[in-house]
Structure formats: C-alpha cells, structure tokens
All heavy atoms as atom14 arrays in JSON, in Angstrom:
{
  "sequence": "VTPVLIEQAQEKARANSVQNASFGVMSVDQLELED",
  "atom14_mask": [
    [1, 1, 1, 1, 1, 1, 1, 0, 0, 0, 0, 0, 0, 0],
    [1, 1, 1, 1, 1, 1, 1, 0, 0, 0, 0, 0, 0, 0],
    [1, 1, 1, 1, 1, 1, 1, 0, 0, 0, 0, 0, 0, 0],
    [1, 1, 1, 1, 1, 1, 1, 0, 0, 0, 0, 0, 0, 0],
    [1, 1, 1, 1, 1, 1, 1, 1, 0, 0, 0, 0, 0, 0],
    [1, 1, 1, 1, 1, 1, 1, 1, 0, 0, 0, 0, 0, 0],
    [1, 1, 1, 1, 1, 1, 1, 1, 1, 0, 0, 0, 0, 0],
    [1, 1, 1, 1, 1, 1, 1, 1, 1, 0, 0, 0, 0, 0],
    [1, 1, 1, 1, 1, 0, 0, 0, 0, 0, 0, 0, 0, 0],
    [1, 1, 1, 1, 1, 1, 1, 1, 1, 0, 0, 0, 0, 0],
    [1, 1, 1, 1, 1, 1, 1, 1, 1, 0, 0, 0, 0, 0],
    [1, 1, 1, 1, 1, 1, 1, 1, 1, 0, 0, 0, 0, 0],
    [1, 1, 1, 1, 1, 0, 0, 0, 0, 0, 0, 0, 0, 0],
    [1, 1, 1, 1, 1, 1, 1, 1, 1, 1, 1, 0, 0, 0],
    [1, 1, 1, 1, 1, 0, 0, 0, 0, 0, 0, 0, 0, 0],
    [1, 1, 1, 1, 1, 1, 1, 1, 0, 0, 0, 0, 0, 0],
    [1, 1, 1, 1, 1, 1, 0, 0, 0, 0, 0, 0, 0, 0],
    [1, 1, 1, 1, 1, 1, 1, 0, 0, 0, 0, 0, 0, 0],
    [1, 1, 1, 1, 1, 1, 1, 1, 1, 0, 0, 0, 0, 0],
    [1, 1, 1, 1, 1, 1, 1, 1, 0, 0, 0, 0, 0, 0],
    [1, 1, 1, 1, 1, 0, 0, 0, 0, 0, 0, 0, 0, 0],
    [1, 1, 1, 1, 1, 1, 0, 0, 0, 0, 0, 0, 0, 0],
    [1, 1, 1, 1, 1, 1, 1, 1, 1, 1, 1, 0, 0, 0],
    [1, 1, 1, 1, 0, 0, 0, 0, 0, 0, 0, 0, 0, 0],
    [1, 1, 1, 1, 1, 1, 1, 0, 0, 0, 0, 0, 0, 0],
    [1, 1, 1, 1, 1, 1, 1, 1, 0, 0, 0, 0, 0, 0],
    [1, 1, 1, 1, 1, 1, 0, 0, 0, 0, 0, 0, 0, 0],
    [1, 1, 1, 1, 1, 1, 1, 0, 0, 0, 0, 0, 0, 0],
    [1, 1, 1, 1, 1, 1, 1, 1, 0, 0, 0, 0, 0, 0],
    [1, 1, 1, 1, 1, 1, 1, 1, 1, 0, 0, 0, 0, 0],
    [1, 1, 1, 1, 1, 1, 1, 1, 0, 0, 0, 0, 0, 0],
    [1, 1, 1, 1, 1, 1, 1, 1, 1, 0, 0, 0, 0, 0],
    [1, 1, 1, 1, 1, 1, 1, 1, 0, 0, 0, 0, 0, 0],
    [1, 1, 1, 1, 1, 1, 1, 1, 1, 0, 0, 0, 0, 0],
    [1, 1, 1, 1, 1, 1, 1, 1, 0, 0, 0, 0, 0, 0]
  ],
  "atom14_positions": [
    [[9.95, 14.3, 3.86], [9.87, 13.34, 2.71], [10.14, 14.04, 1.38], [10.45, 13.36, 0.42], [8.49, 12.6, 2.66], [7.45, 13.63, 2.23], [8.53, 11.38, 1.81], [0.0, 0.0, 0.0], [0.0, 0.0, 0.0], [0.0, 0.0, 0.0], [0.0, 0.0, 0.0], [0.0, 0.0, 0.0], [0.0, 0.0, 0.0], [0.0, 0.0, 0.0]],
    [[10.14, 15.43, 1.37], [10.31, 16.09, 0.07], [11.74, 16.62, -0.05], [12.21, 17.47, 0.69], [9.37, 17.31, 0.06], [8.0, 16.89, 0.25], [9.44, 18.05, -1.27], [0.0, 0.0, 0.0], [0.0, 0.0, 0.0], [0.0, 0.0, 0.0], [0.0, 0.0, 0.0], [0.0, 0.0, 0.0], [0.0, 0.0, 0.0], [0.0, 0.0, 0.0]],
    [[12.51, 16.01, -1.05], [13.96, 16.34, -1.1], [14.22, 17.87, -1.33], [15.23, 18.41, -0.72], [14.4, 15.6, -2.36], [13.5, 14.38, -2.34], [12.17, 14.95, -1.91], [0.0, 0.0, 0.0], [0.0, 0.0, 0.0], [0.0, 0.0, 0.0], [0.0, 0.0, 0.0], [0.0, 0.0, 0.0], [0.0, 0.0, 0.0], [0.0, 0.0, 0.0]],
    [[13.42, 18.57, -2.1], [13.7, 19.93, -2.31], [13.56, 20.82, -1.08], [14.36, 21.76, -0.95], [12.79, 20.55, -3.55], [11.36, 20.65, -3.03], [13.3, 21.87, -3.98], [0.0, 0.0, 0.0], [0.0, 0.0, 0.0], [0.0, 0.0, 0.0], [0.0, 0.0, 0.0], [0.0, 0.0, 0.0], [0.0, 0.0, 0.0], [0.0, 0.0, 0.0]],
    [[12.72, 20.39, -0.18], [12.59, 21.16, 1.06], [13.75, 20.94, 1.95], [14.3, 21.82, 2.58], [11.3, 20.74, 1.79], [10.03, 21.11, 1.01], [8.78, 20.64, 1.83], [9.86, 22.53, 0.64], [0.0, 0.0, 0.0], [0.0, 0.0, 0.0], [0.0, 0.0, 0.0], [0.0, 0.0, 0.0], [0.0, 0.0, 0.0], [0.0, 0.0, 0.0]],
    [[14.3, 19.76, 1.92], [15.45, 19.38, 2.7], [16.69, 20.18, 2.13], [17.54, 20.7, 2.88], [15.71, 17.93, 2.78], [14.64, 17.18, 3.62], [17.12, 17.56, 3.32], [14.6, 17.66, 5.05], [0.0, 0.0, 0.0], [0.0, 0.0, 0.0], [0.0, 0.0, 0.0], [0.0, 0.0, 0.0], [0.0, 0.0, 0.0], [0.0, 0.0, 0.0]],
    [[16.8, 20.23, 0.85], [17.85, 21.0, 0.17], [17.76, 22.48, 0.6], [18.8, 23.1, 0.91], [17.74, 20.89, -1.31], [18.11, 19.52, -1.86], [17.78, 19.38, -3.33], [17.4, 20.34, -3.98], [17.86, 18.19, -3.81], [0.0, 0.0, 0.0], [0.0, 0.0, 0.0], [0.0, 0.0, 0.0], [0.0, 0.0, 0.0], [0.0, 0.0, 0.0]],
    [[16.55, 23.01, 0.68], [16.41, 24.42, 1.03], [16.87, 24.58, 2.54], [17.54, 25.6, 2.9], [15.03, 24.85, 0.9], [14.56, 25.02, -0.6], [13.11, 25.37, -0.78], [12.44, 25.79, 0.21], [12.6, 25.12, -1.96], [0.0, 0.0, 0.0], [0.0, 0.0, 0.0], [0.0, 0.0, 0.0], [0.0, 0.0, 0.0], [0.0, 0.0, 0.0]],
    [[16.48, 23.66, 3.39], [16.88, 23.73, 4.8], [18.35, 23.64, 4.95], [18.97, 24.36, 5.76], [16.15, 22.61, 5.57], [0.0, 0.0, 0.0], [0.0, 0.0, 0.0], [0.0, 0.0, 0.0], [0.0, 0.0, 0.0], [0.0, 0.0, 0.0], [0.0, 0.0, 0.0], [0.0, 0.0, 0.0], [0.0, 0.0, 0.0], [0.0, 0.0, 0.0]],
    [[19.0, 22.72, 4.22], [20.43, 22.57, 4.29], [21.14, 23.86, 3.88], [22.17, 24.25, 4.45], [20.85, 21.37, 3.47], [20.46, 20.01, 4.03], [20.69, 18.87, 3.07], [20.67, 19.06, 1.87], [20.85, 17.7, 3.68], [0.0, 0.0, 0.0], [0.0, 0.0, 0.0], [0.0, 0.0, 0.0], [0.0, 0.0, 0.0], [0.0, 0.0, 0.0]],
    [[20.64, 24.47, 2.77], [21.21, 25.71, 2.39], [21.06, 26.78, 3.39], [22.04, 27.65, 3.58], [20.55, 26.17, 1.0], [21.07, 27.49, 0.45], [22.56, 27.47, 0.25], [23.16, 26.46, -0.08], [23.15, 28.58, 0.48], [0.0, 0.0, 0.0], [0.0, 0.0, 0.0], [0.0, 0.0, 0.0], [0.0, 0.0, 0.0], [0.0, 0.0, 0.0]],
    [[19.92, 26.87, 4.05], [19.76, 27.81, 5.13], [20.77, 27.65, 6.22], [21.36, 28.57, 6.8], [18.33, 27.76, 5.7], [17.22, 28.36, 4.87], [15.93, 28.25, 5.65], [14.74, 28.7, 4.83], [13.53, 28.57, 5.61], [0.0, 0.0, 0.0], [0.0, 0.0, 0.0], [0.0, 0.0, 0.0], [0.0, 0.0, 0.0], [0.0, 0.0, 0.0]],
    [[20.96, 26.35, 6.62], [21.95, 26.07, 7.66], [23.34, 26.52, 7.26], [24.1, 27.05, 8.06], [21.91, 24.54, 7.98], [0.0, 0.0, 0.0], [0.0, 0.0, 0.0], [0.0, 0.0, 0.0], [0.0, 0.0, 0.0], [0.0, 0.0, 0.0], [0.0, 0.0, 0.0], [0.0, 0.0, 0.0], [0.0, 0.0, 0.0], [0.0, 0.0, 0.0]],
    [[23.67, 26.27, 6.0], [25.04, 26.7, 5.53], [25.13, 28.21, 5.53], [26.18, 28.83, 6.01], [25.33, 26.08, 4.15], [25.62, 24.6, 4.13], [26.1, 24.19, 2.8], [25.13, 24.28, 1.74], [24.24, 23.27, 1.41], [24.35, 22.13, 1.99], [23.36, 23.51, 0.46], [0.0, 0.0, 0.0], [0.0, 0.0, 0.0], [0.0, 0.0, 0.0]],
    [[24.14, 28.84, 4.95], [24.15, 30.31, 4.79], [24.22, 31.02, 6.14], [24.82, 32.13, 6.26], [22.99, 30.8, 4.03], [0.0, 0.0, 0.0], [0.0, 0.0, 0.0], [0.0, 0.0, 0.0], [0.0, 0.0, 0.0], [0.0, 0.0, 0.0], [0.0, 0.0, 0.0], [0.0, 0.0, 0.0], [0.0, 0.0, 0.0], [0.0, 0.0, 0.0]],
    [[23.66, 30.4, 7.16], [23.6, 31.04, 8.48], [24.55, 30.44, 9.46], [24.49, 30.78, 10.69], [22.21, 31.04, 8.98], [21.21, 31.89, 8.19], [21.16, 33.13, 8.32], [20.5, 31.28, 7.32], [0.0, 0.0, 0.0], [0.0, 0.0, 0.0], [0.0, 0.0, 0.0], [0.0, 0.0, 0.0], [0.0, 0.0, 0.0], [0.0, 0.0, 0.0]],
    [[25.41, 29.56, 9.01], [26.43, 28.94, 9.88], [25.8, 28.28, 11.12], [26.33, 28.35, 12.18], [27.53, 29.93, 10.29], [28.17, 30.45, 9.17], [0.0, 0.0, 0.0], [0.0, 0.0, 0.0], [0.0, 0.0, 0.0], [0.0, 0.0, 0.0], [0.0, 0.0, 0.0], [0.0, 0.0, 0.0], [0.0, 0.0, 0.0], [0.0, 0.0, 0.0]],
    [[24.72, 27.61, 10.89], [24.1, 26.86, 11.95], [24.73, 25.46, 12.08], [24.59, 24.64, 11.28], [22.55, 26.68, 11.73], [21.87, 25.88, 12.84], [21.87, 28.01, 11.54], [0.0, 0.0, 0.0], [0.0, 0.0, 0.0], [0.0, 0.0, 0.0], [0.0, 0.0, 0.0], [0.0, 0.0, 0.0], [0.0, 0.0, 0.0], [0.0, 0.0, 0.0]],
    [[25.46, 25.31, 13.22], [26.25, 24.13, 13.37], [25.54, 22.95, 14.07], [25.95, 21.79, 13.87], [27.53, 24.45, 14.16], [28.39, 25.55, 13.6], [28.95, 25.1, 12.21], [29.35, 23.99, 12.05], [28.96, 26.09, 11.27], [0.0, 0.0, 0.0], [0.0, 0.0, 0.0], [0.0, 0.0, 0.0], [0.0, 0.0, 0.0], [0.0, 0.0, 0.0]],
    [[24.47, 23.28, 14.79], [23.84, 22.23, 15.6], [22.51, 21.77, 14.98], [21.63, 21.12, 15.69], [23.58, 22.71, 16.98], [22.75, 23.95, 17.13], [22.7, 24.71, 16.18], [21.98, 24.01, 18.19], [0.0, 0.0, 0.0], [0.0, 0.0, 0.0], [0.0, 0.0, 0.0], [0.0, 0.0, 0.0], [0.0, 0.0, 0.0], [0.0, 0.0, 0.0]],
    [[22.31, 21.94, 13.67], [21.15, 21.49, 12.95], [21.56, 20.7, 11.67], [22.43, 21.19, 10.98], [20.15, 22.59, 12.6], [0.0, 0.0, 0.0], [0.0, 0.0, 0.0], [0.0, 0.0, 0.0], [0.0, 0.0, 0.0], [0.0, 0.0, 0.0], [0.0, 0.0, 0.0], [0.0, 0.0, 0.0], [0.0, 0.0, 0.0], [0.0, 0.0, 0.0]],
    [[20.96, 19.57, 11.49], [21.2, 18.78, 10.27], [19.9, 18.31, 9.71], [18.86, 18.35, 10.44], [22.13, 17.63, 10.56], [21.56, 16.77, 11.56], [0.0, 0.0, 0.0], [0.0, 0.0, 0.0], [0.0, 0.0, 0.0], [0.0, 0.0, 0.0], [0.0, 0.0, 0.0], [0.0, 0.0, 0.0], [0.0, 0.0, 0.0], [0.0, 0.0, 0.0]],
    [[19.88, 17.83, 8.45], [18.61, 17.49, 7.82], [18.78, 16.28, 6.92], [19.88, 15.97, 6.46], [18.22, 18.66, 6.93], [17.92, 19.94, 7.67], [18.95, 20.87, 7.88], [16.68, 20.16, 8.24], [18.71, 22.0, 8.6], [16.41, 21.37, 8.94], [17.48, 22.27, 9.15], [0.0, 0.0, 0.0], [0.0, 0.0, 0.0], [0.0, 0.0, 0.0]],
    [[17.7, 15.53, 6.81], [17.71, 14.32, 5.99], [16.37, 14.08, 5.38], [15.31, 14.45, 5.93], [0.0, 0.0, 0.0], [0.0, 0.0, 0.0], [0.0, 0.0, 0.0], [0.0, 0.0, 0.0], [0.0, 0.0, 0.0], [0.0, 0.0, 0.0], [0.0, 0.0, 0.0], [0.0, 0.0, 0.0], [0.0, 0.0, 0.0], [0.0, 0.0, 0.0]],
    [[16.32, 13.37, 4.22], [15.11, 13.0, 3.58], [14.55, 11.69, 4.15], [15.18, 10.67, 4.0], [15.33, 12.86, 2.03], [13.97, 12.4, 1.31], [15.8, 14.17, 1.45], [0.0, 0.0, 0.0], [0.0, 0.0, 0.0], [0.0, 0.0, 0.0], [0.0, 0.0, 0.0], [0.0, 0.0, 0.0], [0.0, 0.0, 0.0], [0.0, 0.0, 0.0]],
    [[13.41, 11.81, 4.84], [12.79, 10.59, 5.48], [11.28, 10.88, 5.56], [10.9, 11.99, 5.73], [13.33, 10.31, 6.87], [14.69, 9.9, 6.96], [15.15, 9.5, 8.7], [16.88, 10.02, 8.73], [0.0, 0.0, 0.0], [0.0, 0.0, 0.0], [0.0, 0.0, 0.0], [0.0, 0.0, 0.0], [0.0, 0.0, 0.0], [0.0, 0.0, 0.0]],
    [[10.53, 9.79, 5.48], [9.1, 9.86, 5.7], [8.82, 9.68, 7.24], [9.54, 8.87, 7.84], [8.37, 8.79, 4.9], [7.05, 8.7, 5.33], [0.0, 0.0, 0.0], [0.0, 0.0, 0.0], [0.0, 0.0, 0.0], [0.0, 0.0, 0.0], [0.0, 0.0, 0.0], [0.0, 0.0, 0.0], [0.0, 0.0, 0.0], [0.0, 0.0, 0.0]],
    [[7.87, 10.37, 7.74], [7.52, 10.29, 9.16], [7.01, 8.87, 9.51], [7.1, 8.47, 10.67], [6.51, 11.3, 9.61], [7.05, 12.7, 9.44], [5.21, 11.15, 8.83], [0.0, 0.0, 0.0], [0.0, 0.0, 0.0], [0.0, 0.0, 0.0], [0.0, 0.0, 0.0], [0.0, 0.0, 0.0], [0.0, 0.0, 0.0], [0.0, 0.0, 0.0]],
    [[6.53, 8.12, 8.51], [6.02, 6.8, 8.8], [7.02, 5.67, 8.5], [6.7, 4.51, 8.55], [4.7, 6.5, 8.13], [4.75, 6.76, 6.58], [5.82, 6.82, 6.06], [3.67, 6.92, 6.0], [0.0, 0.0, 0.0], [0.0, 0.0, 0.0], [0.0, 0.0, 0.0], [0.0, 0.0, 0.0], [0.0, 0.0, 0.0], [0.0, 0.0, 0.0]],
    [[8.24, 6.04, 8.09], [9.27, 5.07, 7.85], [10.66, 5.73, 8.09], [11.38, 6.01, 7.16], [9.24, 4.55, 6.43], [10.01, 3.29, 6.18], [9.72, 2.63, 4.88], [8.91, 3.13, 4.1], [10.41, 1.54, 4.61], [0.0, 0.0, 0.0], [0.0, 0.0, 0.0], [0.0, 0.0, 0.0], [0.0, 0.0, 0.0], [0.0, 0.0, 0.0]],
    [[10.97, 5.9, 9.34], [12.18, 6.59, 9.72], [13.43, 5.74, 9.61], [13.39, 4.62, 10.15], [12.06, 7.15, 11.17], [10.96, 8.19, 11.34], [10.72, 8.45, 12.84], [11.29, 9.49, 10.59], [0.0, 0.0, 0.0], [0.0, 0.0, 0.0], [0.0, 0.0, 0.0], [0.0, 0.0, 0.0], [0.0, 0.0, 0.0], [0.0, 0.0, 0.0]],
    [[14.45, 6.22, 8.99], [15.68, 5.44, 8.89], [16.64, 5.85, 10.08], [17.73, 6.42, 9.88], [16.37, 5.8, 7.59], [15.52, 5.39, 6.37], [16.03, 5.96, 5.02], [17.26, 6.27, 4.96], [15.28, 6.03, 4.06], [0.0, 0.0, 0.0], [0.0, 0.0, 0.0], [0.0, 0.0, 0.0], [0.0, 0.0, 0.0], [0.0, 0.0, 0.0]],
    [[16.12, 5.53, 11.29], [16.86, 5.84, 12.49], [16.86, 4.66, 13.34], [15.92, 3.82, 13.36], [16.18, 7.02, 13.17], [16.13, 8.36, 12.44], [15.19, 9.3, 13.12], [17.5, 8.98, 12.28], [0.0, 0.0, 0.0], [0.0, 0.0, 0.0], [0.0, 0.0, 0.0], [0.0, 0.0, 0.0], [0.0, 0.0, 0.0], [0.0, 0.0, 0.0]],
    [[17.83, 4.55, 14.25], [17.96, 3.43, 15.19], [16.86, 3.59, 16.26], [16.46, 4.61, 16.61], [19.37, 3.44, 15.8], [20.51, 3.25, 14.84], [20.49, 1.85, 14.27], [20.08, 0.86, 14.93], [20.93, 1.65, 13.12], [0.0, 0.0, 0.0], [0.0, 0.0, 0.0], [0.0, 0.0, 0.0], [0.0, 0.0, 0.0], [0.0, 0.0, 0.0]],
    [[16.56, 2.36, 16.82], [15.63, 2.28, 17.95], [16.17, 3.13, 19.1], [17.42, 3.11, 19.38], [15.42, 0.88, 18.37], [14.72, -0.01, 17.4], [14.27, 0.56, 16.34], [14.51, -1.21, 17.61], [0.0, 0.0, 0.0], [0.0, 0.0, 0.0], [0.0, 0.0, 0.0], [0.0, 0.0, 0.0], [0.0, 0.0, 0.0], [0.0, 0.0, 0.0]]
  ]
}
C-alpha cells in the first residue's frame, strides 16, 4: 500500500536485472486483481 516502498522494490528489480518479479501499489484488503 506504500508507494515509496514499491518504488524502492522496482528500482531493486531494475538494478539487479530481475526479470520475473514485478510490483504494484495495492492494499491487501482491496486487491486490484481478477478473481
């Protein structure tokens, strides 16, 4: 739910060329994901 943490995670993924991890800003009690 915290945007700055997701930004840090995304930067880590880019810096370490992690291709199979992605990140998004969402609350655990209101997920913007399909059933």
